[in-house]
C-alpha atoms as a PDB file:
ATOM      1  CA  UNK A   1       0.000   0.000   0.000  1.00  0.00           C
ATOM      2  CA  UNK A   2       2.847   2.364   0.815  1.00  0.00           C
ATOM      3  CA  UNK A   3       4.308   1.852  -2.678  1.00  0.00           C
ATOM      4  CA  UNK A   4       0.998   2.757  -4.318  1.00  0.00           C
ATOM      5  CA  UNK A   5       0.701   5.879  -2.192  1.00  0.00           C
ATOM      6  CA  UNK A   6       4.291   6.851  -2.951  1.00  0.00           C
ATOM      7  CA  UNK A   7       3.707   6.445  -6.703  1.00  0.00           C
ATOM      8  CA  UNK A   8       0.476   8.436  -6.486  1.00  0.00           C
ATOM      9  CA  UNK A   9       2.178  11.259  -4.609  1.00  0.00           C
ATOM     10  CA  UNK A  10       5.072  11.268  -7.066  1.00  0.00           C
ATOM     11  CA  UNK A  11       2.680  11.469 -10.038  1.00  0.00           C
ATOM     12  CA  UNK A  12       0.710  14.257  -8.373  1.00  0.00           C
ATOM     13  CA  UNK A  13       3.904  16.205  -7.622  1.00  0.00           C
ATOM     14  CA  UNK A  14       5.043  15.847 -11.224  1.00  0.00           C
ATOM     15  CA  UNK A  15       1.673  17.016 -12.547  1.00  0.00           C
ATOM     16  CA  UNK A  16       1.637  20.044 -10.268  1.00  0.00           C
ATOM     17  CA  UNK A  17       5.199  20.873 -11.245  1.00  0.00           C
ATOM     18  CA  UNK A  18       4.303  20.791 -14.941  1.00  0.00           C
ATOM     19  CA  UNK A  19       1.326  23.065 -14.347  1.00  0.00           C
ATOM     20  CA  UNK A  20       3.518  25.529 -12.452  1.00  0.00           C
ATOM     21  CA  UNK A  21       6.123  25.420 -15.231  1.00  0.00           C
ATOM     22  CA  UNK A  22       3.456  26.129 -17.844  1.00  0.00           C
ATOM     23  CA  UNK A  23       2.258  29.134 -15.878  1.00  0.00           C
ATOM     24  CA  UNK A  24       5.784  30.584 -16.050  1.00  0.00           C
ATOM     25  CA  UNK A  25       6.499  29.714 -19.683  1.00  0.00           C
ATOM     26  CA  UNK A  26       7.241  32.737 -21.803  1.00  0.00           C
ATOM     27  CA  UNK A  27       6.206  33.264 -25.409  1.00  0.00           C
ATOM     28  CA  UNK A  28       9.280  33.071 -27.607  1.00  0.00           C
ATOM     29  CA  UNK A  29       9.641  35.556 -30.444  1.00  0.00           C
ATOM     30  CA  UNK A  30      12.079  34.381 -33.118  1.00  0.00           C
ATOM     31  CA  UNK A  31      14.308  36.820 -34.980  1.00  0.00           C
ATOM     32  CA  UNK A  32      14.096  34.909 -38.257  1.00  0.00           C
ATOM     33  CA  UNK A  33      16.180  37.374 -40.281  1.00  0.00           C
ATOM     34  CA  UNK A  34      18.857  37.721 -37.594  1.00  0.00           C
ATOM     35  CA  UNK A  35      18.868  41.523 -37.522  1.00  0.00           C
ATOM     36  CA  UNK A  36      18.576  41.734 -33.730  1.00  0.00           C
ATOM     37  CA  UNK A  37      15.030  43.112 -33.670  1.00  0.00           C
ATOM     38  CA  UNK A  38      11.534  41.775 -34.293  1.00  0.00           C
ATOM     39  CA  UNK A  39       9.474  42.795 -37.306  1.00  0.00           C
ATOM     40  CA  UNK A  40       5.694  42.909 -37.383  1.00  0.00           C
ATOM     41  CA  UNK A  41       5.716  39.520 -39.148  1.00  0.00           C
ATOM     42  CA  UNK A  42       8.002  37.980 -36.515  1.00  0.00           C
ATOM     43  CA  UNK A  43       5.798  39.353 -33.734  1.00  0.00           C
ATOM     44  CA  UNK A  44       2.661  38.015 -35.461  1.00  0.00           C
ATOM     45  CA  UNK A  45       4.222  34.542 -35.604  1.00  0.00           C
ATOM     46  CA  UNK A  46       4.561  34.571 -31.808  1.00  0.00           C
ATOM     47  CA  UNK A  47       1.454  36.645 -31.057  1.00  0.00           C
ATOM     48  CA  UNK A  48      -1.090  35.894 -33.831  1.00  0.00           C
ATOM     49  CA  UNK A  49      -3.650  38.299 -32.351  1.00  0.00           C
ATOM     50  CA  UNK A  50      -1.329  41.304 -32.113  1.00  0.00           C
ATOM     51  CA  UNK A  51      -2.875  44.370 -33.702  1.00  0.00           C
ATOM     52  CA  UNK A  52      -1.146  47.177 -35.581  1.00  0.00           C
ATOM     53  CA  UNK A  53      -2.067  49.457 -32.679  1.00  0.00           C
ATOM     54  CA  UNK A  54      -0.365  47.216 -30.110  1.00  0.00           C
ATOM     55  CA  UNK A  55       2.697  46.828 -32.350  1.00  0.00           C
ATOM     56  CA  UNK A  56       2.934  50.611 -32.678  1.00  0.00           C
ATOM     57  CA  UNK A  57       2.578  50.990 -28.907  1.00  0.00           C
ATOM     58  CA  UNK A  58       5.428  48.533 -28.351  1.00  0.00           C
ATOM     59  CA  UNK A  59       7.620  50.258 -30.957  1.00  0.00           C
ATOM     60  CA  UNK A  60       8.583  53.122 -28.665  1.00  0.00           C
ATOM     61  CA  UNK A  61      11.326  54.500 -30.922  1.00  0.00           C
ATOM     62  CA  UNK A  62       9.110  54.283 -34.012  1.00  0.00           C
ATOM     63  CA  UNK A  63      11.607  52.426 -36.207  1.00  0.00           C
ATOM     64  CA  UNK A  64       9.134  49.720 -37.269  1.00  0.00           C
ATOM     65  CA  UNK A  65      10.953  47.037 -35.267  1.00  0.00           C
ATOM     66  CA  UNK A  66      10.635  45.773 -31.694  1.00  0.00           C
ATOM     67  CA  UNK A  67      13.925  45.425 -29.839  1.00  0.00           C
ATOM     68  CA  UNK A  68      14.477  43.279 -26.738  1.00  0.00           C
ATOM     69  CA  UNK A  69      13.910  46.206 -24.357  1.00  0.00           C
ATOM     70  CA  UNK A  70      10.641  47.194 -26.056  1.00  0.00           C
ATOM     71  CA  UNK A  71       9.478  43.565 -25.981  1.00  0.00           C
ATOM     72  CA  UNK A  72      10.276  43.225 -22.279  1.00  0.00           C
ATOM     73  CA  UNK A  73       8.576  46.539 -21.461  1.00  0.00           C
ATOM     74  CA  UNK A  74       5.464  45.404 -23.338  1.00  0.00           C
ATOM     75  CA  UNK A  75       5.401  42.176 -21.340  1.00  0.00           C
ATOM     76  CA  UNK A  76       5.913  43.993 -18.050  1.00  0.00           C
ATOM     77  CA  UNK A  77       3.186  46.588 -18.685  1.00  0.00           C
ATOM     78  CA  UNK A  78       0.718  43.963 -19.922  1.00  0.00           C
ATOM     79  CA  UNK A  79       0.510  45.161 -23.533  1.00  0.00           C
ATOM     80  CA  UNK A  80       1.330  41.586 -24.585  1.00  0.00           C
ATOM     81  CA  UNK A  81       1.354  38.289 -22.754  1.00  0.00           C
ATOM     82  CA  UNK A  82       4.597  36.986 -21.353  1.00  0.00           C
END
């Protein structure tokens, strides 16, 4: 009986750990052209529902690209999901 309980507790711990990991997973944006910033197309691949308005809000310097700092700021202020 102890073995069954131990296995059950281990499975439950693993399941809870996976749920907690999923809650902390971050959306990955891929710089497909390797220029060091994220284009609207690259952002749309990671965030399919991103609007032009949200992209423009994230693009603080107005250069048409999202850099790592702008992406992080958008995540921190809730403009996009982490």
